[in-house]
Amino acid sequence: MLRMRHRYIVLLLLLATFALWTHPLDHESLWRDEVDTIRFAFRSWESIQKHHSGIELVKDWTSQLTSIGENGPLYFWIMGIWLRIVGQTEVALRLSSTFSAIVAIALMFTIGKTIFNSRVGLVGSTLLAVNPYVSWYAGEGKMYTLILCLVLLSTLLLSRAL
């Protein structure tokens, strides 16, 4: 009974957080890094393949990790698909980060429940939902919340594997 109540509380937390985070997505225009996200997301696959051939692929991939705006090539590929499906608006760009942050909150609950109990999962997910950094990055068209989501997913998978 208590576990079911915790699940309902987390569901309400997810809905409330989503409502709070999606409301201001279009209040500011795009800033430089978000414009770069759109620009890099719509590079043609052919230009990427020509640019990445053989040894140059390894060399260029490692240079992307240190070049300004070029890190996260997988993120830009994902964003290219996302923006082609959802649209090329400010809200669509930032909504991907919001969804990643919401999934991260759900994953935090699951990790806490898996490793400890549902009460710990509830506390962890609540702390993540009210974290100002997560709230800020949930409204930006950058890869930060996706990284958080992937780290939490890998933590969950590792805890289940162990």
N, C-alpha and C. Protein backbone atom coordinates (compact mmCIF):
# COMPACT_ATOMS: atom_id res chain seq x y z
N MET A 1 0.82 -1.19 0.00
CA MET A 1 0.00 0.00 0.00
C MET A 1 0.87 1.27 0.00
N LEU A 2 1.91 1.26 0.86
CA LEU A 2 2.80 2.41 0.94
C LEU A 2 3.57 2.59 -0.36
N ARG A 3 3.99 1.47 -0.96
CA ARG A 3 4.72 1.56 -2.24
C ARG A 3 3.85 2.14 -3.33
N MET A 4 2.58 1.74 -3.37
CA MET A 4 1.68 2.29 -4.39
C MET A 4 1.48 3.78 -4.17
N ARG A 5 1.39 4.19 -2.92
CA ARG A 5 1.23 5.61 -2.63
C ARG A 5 2.48 6.38 -3.09
N HIS A 6 3.65 5.82 -2.88
CA HIS A 6 4.88 6.47 -3.34
C HIS A 6 4.89 6.59 -4.86
N ARG A 7 4.40 5.57 -5.54
CA ARG A 7 4.36 5.63 -7.01
C ARG A 7 3.41 6.73 -7.48
N TYR A 8 2.28 6.89 -6.82
CA TYR A 8 1.35 7.95 -7.18
C TYR A 8 1.95 9.33 -6.90
N ILE A 9 2.68 9.43 -5.80
CA ILE A 9 3.33 10.70 -5.47
C ILE A 9 4.37 11.04 -6.53
N VAL A 10 5.15 10.05 -6.96
CA VAL A 10 6.16 10.29 -8.00
C VAL A 10 5.48 10.67 -9.31
N LEU A 11 4.37 10.03 -9.64
CA LEU A 11 3.64 10.37 -10.85
C LEU A 11 3.15 11.82 -10.78
N LEU A 12 2.62 12.23 -9.65
CA LEU A 12 2.20 13.63 -9.48
C LEU A 12 3.40 14.58 -9.56
N LEU A 13 4.51 14.16 -8.98
CA LEU A 13 5.73 14.96 -9.05
C LEU A 13 6.18 15.13 -10.49
N LEU A 14 6.14 14.06 -11.27
CA LEU A 14 6.53 14.12 -12.68
C LEU A 14 5.61 15.05 -13.46
N LEU A 15 4.32 14.93 -13.23
CA LEU A 15 3.36 15.79 -13.95
C LEU A 15 3.52 17.25 -13.57
N ALA A 16 3.68 17.52 -12.27
CA ALA A 16 3.85 18.90 -11.82
C ALA A 16 5.15 19.49 -12.34
N THR A 17 6.21 18.71 -12.30
CA THR A 17 7.50 19.18 -12.80
C THR A 17 7.43 19.45 -14.29
N PHE A 18 6.81 18.56 -15.02
CA PHE A 18 6.67 18.76 -16.47
C PHE A 18 5.89 20.04 -16.76
N ALA A 19 4.81 20.26 -16.03
CA ALA A 19 4.01 21.47 -16.24
C ALA A 19 4.82 22.73 -15.91
N LEU A 20 5.58 22.69 -14.83
CA LEU A 20 6.38 23.86 -14.46
C LEU A 20 7.52 24.11 -15.44
N TRP A 21 8.14 23.07 -15.92
CA TRP A 21 9.30 23.23 -16.79
C TRP A 21 8.92 23.55 -18.23
N THR A 22 7.76 23.14 -18.69
CA THR A 22 7.39 23.41 -20.08
C THR A 22 6.76 24.79 -20.26
N HIS A 23 6.27 25.36 -19.18
CA HIS A 23 5.62 26.68 -19.30
C HIS A 23 6.55 27.75 -19.85
N PRO A 24 7.78 27.89 -19.35
CA PRO A 24 8.61 29.00 -19.84
C PRO A 24 9.52 28.67 -21.02
N LEU A 25 9.29 27.59 -21.74
CA LEU A 25 10.24 27.18 -22.78
C LEU A 25 10.37 28.18 -23.92
N ASP A 26 9.36 28.99 -24.16
CA ASP A 26 9.44 29.92 -25.28
C ASP A 26 9.57 31.38 -24.83
N HIS A 27 9.91 31.61 -23.59
CA HIS A 27 10.02 32.99 -23.10
C HIS A 27 11.29 33.69 -23.55
N GLU A 28 12.33 32.95 -23.83
CA GLU A 28 13.58 33.55 -24.29
C GLU A 28 13.91 33.04 -25.68
N SER A 29 14.54 33.88 -26.46
CA SER A 29 14.95 33.41 -27.78
C SER A 29 16.19 32.53 -27.63
N LEU A 30 16.53 31.87 -28.72
CA LEU A 30 17.66 30.95 -28.69
C LEU A 30 18.96 31.70 -28.43
N TRP A 31 19.84 31.09 -27.67
CA TRP A 31 21.15 31.66 -27.47
C TRP A 31 22.15 30.88 -28.31
N ARG A 32 23.38 31.31 -28.34
CA ARG A 32 24.37 30.80 -29.30
C ARG A 32 24.52 29.28 -29.27
N ASP A 33 24.65 28.68 -28.10
CA ASP A 33 24.84 27.23 -28.03
C ASP A 33 23.63 26.47 -28.56
N GLU A 34 22.45 27.01 -28.34
CA GLU A 34 21.25 26.35 -28.86
C GLU A 34 21.18 26.48 -30.38
N VAL A 35 21.60 27.59 -30.90
CA VAL A 35 21.66 27.75 -32.36
C VAL A 35 22.67 26.77 -32.94
N ASP A 36 23.80 26.59 -32.25
CA ASP A 36 24.79 25.60 -32.70
C ASP A 36 24.20 24.20 -32.68
N THR A 37 23.38 23.89 -31.69
CA THR A 37 22.74 22.58 -31.64
C THR A 37 21.90 22.34 -32.89
N ILE A 38 21.12 23.34 -33.26
CA ILE A 38 20.30 23.20 -34.47
C ILE A 38 21.18 23.11 -35.71
N ARG A 39 22.19 23.94 -35.77
CA ARG A 39 23.09 23.94 -36.94
C ARG A 39 23.78 22.59 -37.10
N PHE A 40 24.31 22.05 -35.99
CA PHE A 40 25.02 20.77 -36.06
C PHE A 40 24.06 19.61 -36.27
N ALA A 41 22.83 19.74 -35.79
CA ALA A 41 21.86 18.66 -35.94
C ALA A 41 21.43 18.47 -37.39
N PHE A 42 21.53 19.53 -38.18
CA PHE A 42 21.06 19.44 -39.56
C PHE A 42 22.18 19.34 -40.58
N ARG A 43 23.37 19.00 -40.12
CA ARG A 43 24.43 18.70 -41.09
C ARG A 43 24.03 17.43 -41.83
N SER A 44 24.33 17.39 -43.10
CA SER A 44 23.96 16.22 -43.89
C SER A 44 24.84 15.03 -43.53
N TRP A 45 24.27 13.86 -43.63
CA TRP A 45 25.01 12.63 -43.32
C TRP A 45 26.18 12.47 -44.28
N GLU A 46 25.99 12.88 -45.54
CA GLU A 46 27.06 12.76 -46.52
C GLU A 46 28.26 13.63 -46.14
N SER A 47 28.00 14.84 -45.66
CA SER A 47 29.12 15.70 -45.29
C SER A 47 29.85 15.15 -44.07
N ILE A 48 29.11 14.52 -43.18
CA ILE A 48 29.75 13.90 -42.01
C ILE A 48 30.59 12.71 -42.46
N GLN A 49 30.06 11.89 -43.38
CA GLN A 49 30.80 10.72 -43.85
C GLN A 49 32.05 11.14 -44.61
N LYS A 50 31.96 12.15 -45.46
CA LYS A 50 33.13 12.61 -46.20
C LYS A 50 34.18 13.15 -45.24
N HIS A 51 33.71 13.80 -44.23
CA HIS A 51 34.61 14.41 -43.26
C HIS A 51 35.22 13.36 -42.34
N HIS A 52 34.55 12.23 -42.19
CA HIS A 52 34.99 11.18 -41.27
C HIS A 52 35.32 9.92 -42.07
N SER A 53 36.52 9.82 -42.55
CA SER A 53 36.90 8.62 -43.28
C SER A 53 38.19 8.05 -42.70
N GLY A 54 38.18 6.75 -42.45
CA GLY A 54 39.38 6.05 -42.00
C GLY A 54 40.00 6.63 -40.74
N ILE A 55 41.31 6.89 -40.81
CA ILE A 55 42.06 7.44 -39.67
C ILE A 55 41.52 8.81 -39.30
N GLU A 56 41.07 9.54 -40.30
CA GLU A 56 40.54 10.88 -40.04
C GLU A 56 39.33 10.80 -39.10
N LEU A 57 38.57 9.71 -39.14
CA LEU A 57 37.41 9.56 -38.26
C LEU A 57 37.85 9.61 -36.80
N VAL A 58 38.87 8.85 -36.44
CA VAL A 58 39.36 8.83 -35.07
C VAL A 58 39.94 10.19 -34.71
N LYS A 59 40.73 10.74 -35.62
CA LYS A 59 41.35 12.03 -35.36
C LYS A 59 40.29 13.12 -35.18
N ASP A 60 39.29 13.13 -36.07
CA ASP A 60 38.27 14.15 -36.00
C ASP A 60 37.34 13.94 -34.80
N TRP A 61 37.05 12.67 -34.49
CA TRP A 61 36.18 12.39 -33.34
C TRP A 61 36.81 12.89 -32.06
N THR A 62 38.11 12.66 -31.90
CA THR A 62 38.78 13.14 -30.69
C THR A 62 38.89 14.66 -30.69
N SER A 63 39.04 15.26 -31.84
CA SER A 63 39.10 16.73 -31.87
C SER A 63 37.74 17.34 -31.55
N GLN A 64 36.66 16.62 -31.85
CA GLN A 64 35.33 17.11 -31.51
C GLN A 64 35.14 17.22 -30.00
N LEU A 65 35.82 16.39 -29.25
CA LEU A 65 35.67 16.43 -27.80
C LEU A 65 36.30 17.67 -27.19
N THR A 66 37.21 18.31 -27.90
CA THR A 66 37.88 19.49 -27.36
C THR A 66 37.53 20.77 -28.12
N SER A 67 36.86 20.66 -29.25
CA SER A 67 36.50 21.85 -30.02
C SER A 67 35.26 22.50 -29.41
N ILE A 68 35.22 23.81 -29.45
CA ILE A 68 34.09 24.55 -28.90
C ILE A 68 32.84 24.22 -29.71
N GLY A 69 31.80 23.80 -29.02
CA GLY A 69 30.53 23.52 -29.67
C GLY A 69 30.46 22.20 -30.40
N GLU A 70 31.52 21.46 -30.50
CA GLU A 70 31.56 20.23 -31.29
C GLU A 70 31.45 18.97 -30.45
N ASN A 71 31.43 19.07 -29.14
CA ASN A 71 31.36 17.85 -28.34
C ASN A 71 29.94 17.27 -28.40
N GLY A 72 29.85 15.98 -28.21
CA GLY A 72 28.56 15.31 -28.23
C GLY A 72 28.01 15.01 -29.60
N PRO A 73 28.79 14.40 -30.50
CA PRO A 73 28.27 14.13 -31.85
C PRO A 73 27.03 13.23 -31.84
N LEU A 74 26.93 12.31 -30.89
CA LEU A 74 25.74 11.47 -30.79
C LEU A 74 24.51 12.31 -30.45
N TYR A 75 24.68 13.28 -29.59
CA TYR A 75 23.57 14.17 -29.22
C TYR A 75 23.06 14.92 -30.45
N PHE A 76 23.96 15.43 -31.26
CA PHE A 76 23.53 16.17 -32.44
C PHE A 76 22.81 15.27 -33.43
N TRP A 77 23.24 14.03 -33.53
CA TRP A 77 22.56 13.06 -34.40
C TRP A 77 21.14 12.81 -33.88
N ILE A 78 21.01 12.60 -32.56
CA ILE A 78 19.69 12.39 -31.95
C ILE A 78 18.82 13.63 -32.16
N MET A 79 19.40 14.80 -31.96
CA MET A 79 18.63 16.03 -32.13
C MET A 79 18.19 16.23 -33.57
N GLY A 80 18.99 15.81 -34.52
CA GLY A 80 18.58 15.90 -35.91
C GLY A 80 17.32 15.10 -36.17
N ILE A 81 17.26 13.90 -35.62
CA ILE A 81 16.06 13.07 -35.76
C ILE A 81 14.89 13.72 -35.03
N TRP A 82 15.14 14.15 -33.77
CA TRP A 82 14.09 14.75 -32.95
C TRP A 82 13.48 15.98 -33.64
N LEU A 83 14.32 16.88 -34.12
CA LEU A 83 13.82 18.11 -34.73
C LEU A 83 13.12 17.87 -36.06
N ARG A 84 13.51 16.82 -36.76
CA ARG A 84 12.80 16.50 -38.00
C ARG A 84 11.40 15.96 -37.70
N ILE A 85 11.24 15.28 -36.57
CA ILE A 85 9.94 14.72 -36.19
C ILE A 85 9.05 15.78 -35.54
N VAL A 86 9.59 16.49 -34.55
CA VAL A 86 8.80 17.40 -33.73
C VAL A 86 8.67 18.79 -34.36
N GLY A 87 9.68 19.22 -35.05
CA GLY A 87 9.66 20.55 -35.65
C GLY A 87 10.87 21.35 -35.22
N GLN A 88 11.09 22.46 -35.90
CA GLN A 88 12.29 23.26 -35.67
C GLN A 88 11.96 24.56 -34.94
N THR A 89 11.32 24.43 -33.80
CA THR A 89 10.98 25.61 -33.01
C THR A 89 11.82 25.64 -31.74
N GLU A 90 11.79 26.78 -31.05
CA GLU A 90 12.50 26.89 -29.79
C GLU A 90 11.95 25.89 -28.78
N VAL A 91 10.63 25.77 -28.75
CA VAL A 91 10.00 24.85 -27.80
C VAL A 91 10.38 23.41 -28.11
N ALA A 92 10.38 23.04 -29.38
CA ALA A 92 10.73 21.66 -29.76
C ALA A 92 12.17 21.34 -29.36
N LEU A 93 13.07 22.27 -29.59
CA LEU A 93 14.47 22.06 -29.22
C LEU A 93 14.61 21.85 -27.71
N ARG A 94 13.99 22.72 -26.94
CA ARG A 94 14.12 22.66 -25.49
C ARG A 94 13.30 21.55 -24.87
N LEU A 95 12.26 21.12 -25.54
CA LEU A 95 11.41 20.05 -25.01
C LEU A 95 12.16 18.74 -24.88
N SER A 96 13.13 18.51 -25.75
CA SER A 96 13.92 17.27 -25.64
C SER A 96 14.68 17.23 -24.31
N SER A 97 15.20 18.36 -23.88
CA SER A 97 15.88 18.42 -22.58
C SER A 97 14.90 18.24 -21.44
N THR A 98 13.72 18.79 -21.58
CA THR A 98 12.69 18.63 -20.55
C THR A 98 12.30 17.17 -20.41
N PHE A 99 12.09 16.49 -21.52
CA PHE A 99 11.75 15.07 -21.46
C PHE A 99 12.87 14.26 -20.81
N SER A 100 14.11 14.57 -21.17
CA SER A 100 15.24 13.85 -20.58
C SER A 100 15.29 14.06 -19.07
N ALA A 101 15.02 15.27 -18.62
CA ALA A 101 15.03 15.55 -17.18
C ALA A 101 13.89 14.83 -16.47
N ILE A 102 12.73 14.75 -17.09
CA ILE A 102 11.60 14.04 -16.49
C ILE A 102 11.92 12.55 -16.38
N VAL A 103 12.51 11.99 -17.42
CA VAL A 103 12.92 10.59 -17.38
C VAL A 103 13.97 10.38 -16.29
N ALA A 104 14.87 11.35 -16.13
CA ALA A 104 15.89 11.25 -15.09
C ALA A 104 15.26 11.21 -13.69
N ILE A 105 14.22 11.97 -13.48
CA ILE A 105 13.53 11.95 -12.18
C ILE A 105 12.92 10.58 -11.94
N ALA A 106 12.27 10.03 -12.97
CA ALA A 106 11.70 8.68 -12.83
C ALA A 106 12.78 7.63 -12.59
N LEU A 107 13.90 7.78 -13.27
CA LEU A 107 15.01 6.85 -13.06
C LEU A 107 15.58 6.96 -11.65
N MET A 108 15.64 8.17 -11.13
CA MET A 108 16.13 8.36 -9.77
C MET A 108 15.23 7.63 -8.76
N PHE A 109 13.93 7.71 -8.96
CA PHE A 109 13.01 6.98 -8.09
C PHE A 109 13.27 5.47 -8.19
N THR A 110 13.42 4.99 -9.40
CA THR A 110 13.64 3.56 -9.62
C THR A 110 14.96 3.09 -9.01
N ILE A 111 16.00 3.90 -9.14
CA ILE A 111 17.30 3.54 -8.55
C ILE A 111 17.19 3.47 -7.03
N GLY A 112 16.59 4.49 -6.43
CA GLY A 112 16.43 4.50 -4.97
C GLY A 112 15.61 3.33 -4.49
N LYS A 113 14.55 3.02 -5.22
CA LYS A 113 13.68 1.89 -4.86
C LYS A 113 14.42 0.56 -5.03
N THR A 114 15.21 0.45 -6.08
CA THR A 114 15.93 -0.79 -6.36
C THR A 114 17.04 -1.05 -5.35
N ILE A 115 17.80 -0.03 -5.04
CA ILE A 115 18.94 -0.21 -4.14
C ILE A 115 18.50 -0.20 -2.67
N PHE A 116 17.56 0.67 -2.32
CA PHE A 116 17.14 0.78 -0.92
C PHE A 116 15.66 0.43 -0.77
N ASN A 117 14.79 1.43 -0.85
CA ASN A 117 13.35 1.21 -0.78
C ASN A 117 12.63 2.37 -1.47
N SER A 118 11.32 2.28 -1.58
CA SER A 118 10.58 3.29 -2.33
C SER A 118 10.62 4.66 -1.66
N ARG A 119 10.77 4.70 -0.35
CA ARG A 119 10.88 6.00 0.33
C ARG A 119 12.16 6.73 -0.08
N VAL A 120 13.26 6.00 -0.15
CA VAL A 120 14.52 6.61 -0.60
C VAL A 120 14.39 7.06 -2.05
N GLY A 121 13.74 6.26 -2.87
CA GLY A 121 13.51 6.66 -4.26
C GLY A 121 12.67 7.92 -4.37
N LEU A 122 11.67 8.04 -3.51
CA LEU A 122 10.82 9.22 -3.51
C LEU A 122 11.61 10.47 -3.10
N VAL A 123 12.43 10.34 -2.07
CA VAL A 123 13.25 11.47 -1.62
C VAL A 123 14.24 11.87 -2.71
N GLY A 124 14.91 10.88 -3.30
CA GLY A 124 15.88 11.17 -4.36
C GLY A 124 15.25 11.84 -5.57
N SER A 125 14.11 11.34 -5.99
CA SER A 125 13.45 11.94 -7.16
C SER A 125 12.94 13.35 -6.84
N THR A 126 12.48 13.56 -5.62
CA THR A 126 12.03 14.91 -5.24
C THR A 126 13.20 15.88 -5.22
N LEU A 127 14.33 15.44 -4.65
CA LEU A 127 15.51 16.30 -4.63
C LEU A 127 15.99 16.64 -6.04
N LEU A 128 15.90 15.68 -6.93
CA LEU A 128 16.30 15.93 -8.31
C LEU A 128 15.33 16.90 -8.99
N ALA A 129 14.05 16.77 -8.69
CA ALA A 129 13.04 17.64 -9.30
C ALA A 129 13.16 19.09 -8.86
N VAL A 130 13.61 19.31 -7.63
CA VAL A 130 13.73 20.69 -7.14
C VAL A 130 15.15 21.23 -7.28
N ASN A 131 16.05 20.44 -7.83
CA ASN A 131 17.43 20.89 -8.02
C ASN A 131 17.45 22.03 -9.04
N PRO A 132 18.01 23.18 -8.67
CA PRO A 132 17.98 24.31 -9.59
C PRO A 132 18.76 24.09 -10.89
N TYR A 133 19.83 23.31 -10.83
CA TYR A 133 20.59 23.04 -12.05
C TYR A 133 19.78 22.18 -13.02
N VAL A 134 19.14 21.17 -12.50
CA VAL A 134 18.31 20.32 -13.36
C VAL A 134 17.17 21.14 -13.95
N SER A 135 16.56 21.96 -13.12
CA SER A 135 15.48 22.82 -13.59
C SER A 135 15.96 23.77 -14.69
N TRP A 136 17.13 24.35 -14.51
CA TRP A 136 17.68 25.26 -15.50
C TRP A 136 18.00 24.53 -16.81
N TYR A 137 18.70 23.41 -16.70
CA TYR A 137 19.10 22.69 -17.90
C TYR A 137 17.94 21.98 -18.59
N ALA A 138 16.84 21.76 -17.88
CA ALA A 138 15.66 21.17 -18.51
C ALA A 138 15.02 22.13 -19.51
N GLY A 139 15.38 23.40 -19.42
CA GLY A 139 14.83 24.39 -20.33
C GLY A 139 15.82 24.86 -21.38
N GLU A 140 16.93 24.19 -21.51
CA GLU A 140 17.93 24.56 -22.51
C GLU A 140 18.05 23.47 -23.57
N GLY A 141 18.29 23.87 -24.77
CA GLY A 141 18.46 22.93 -25.88
C GLY A 141 19.89 22.43 -25.97
N LYS A 142 20.36 21.85 -24.91
CA LYS A 142 21.72 21.29 -24.86
C LYS A 142 21.66 19.87 -24.32
N MET A 143 22.79 19.20 -24.24
CA MET A 143 22.84 17.78 -23.94
C MET A 143 22.90 17.44 -22.45
N TYR A 144 22.86 18.44 -21.56
CA TYR A 144 23.14 18.19 -20.15
C TYR A 144 22.15 17.24 -19.49
N THR A 145 20.86 17.40 -19.74
CA THR A 145 19.90 16.50 -19.10
C THR A 145 19.92 15.11 -19.74
N LEU A 146 20.28 15.02 -21.01
CA LEU A 146 20.42 13.70 -21.63
C LEU A 146 21.58 12.95 -20.99
N ILE A 147 22.68 13.65 -20.70
CA ILE A 147 23.80 13.01 -20.02
C ILE A 147 23.38 12.53 -18.64
N LEU A 148 22.65 13.37 -17.90
CA LEU A 148 22.14 12.97 -16.58
C LEU A 148 21.27 11.73 -16.71
N CYS A 149 20.40 11.72 -17.67
CA CYS A 149 19.50 10.58 -17.89
C CYS A 149 20.29 9.31 -18.22
N LEU A 150 21.28 9.41 -19.07
CA LEU A 150 22.07 8.25 -19.44
C LEU A 150 22.92 7.74 -18.28
N VAL A 151 23.44 8.65 -17.46
CA VAL A 151 24.21 8.24 -16.28
C VAL A 151 23.30 7.49 -15.30
N LEU A 152 22.10 8.01 -15.08
CA LEU A 152 21.17 7.33 -14.17
C LEU A 152 20.72 5.99 -14.74
N LEU A 153 20.50 5.93 -16.05
CA LEU A 153 20.12 4.65 -16.66
C LEU A 153 21.24 3.63 -16.52
N SER A 154 22.48 4.04 -16.74
CA SER A 154 23.59 3.10 -16.59
C SER A 154 23.76 2.67 -15.13
N THR A 155 23.50 3.57 -14.19
CA THR A 155 23.56 3.22 -12.77
C THR A 155 22.49 2.20 -12.42
N LEU A 156 21.29 2.41 -12.94
CA LEU A 156 20.21 1.45 -12.70
C LEU A 156 20.53 0.09 -13.29
N LEU A 157 21.03 0.06 -14.51
CA LEU A 157 21.38 -1.20 -15.14
C LEU A 157 22.51 -1.91 -14.40
N LEU A 158 23.49 -1.15 -13.93
CA LEU A 158 24.59 -1.73 -13.16
C LEU A 158 24.07 -2.31 -11.84
N SER A 159 23.20 -1.58 -11.15
CA SER A 159 22.68 -2.10 -9.87
C SER A 159 21.86 -3.35 -10.08
N ARG A 160 21.12 -3.43 -11.16
CA ARG A 160 20.35 -4.64 -11.44
C ARG A 160 21.26 -5.80 -11.85
N ALA A 161 22.35 -5.48 -12.55
CA ALA A 161 23.28 -6.53 -12.97
C ALA A 161 24.02 -7.12 -11.78
N LEU A 162 24.33 -6.28 -10.81
CA LEU A 162 25.04 -6.75 -9.63
C LEU A 162 24.12 -7.53 -8.72
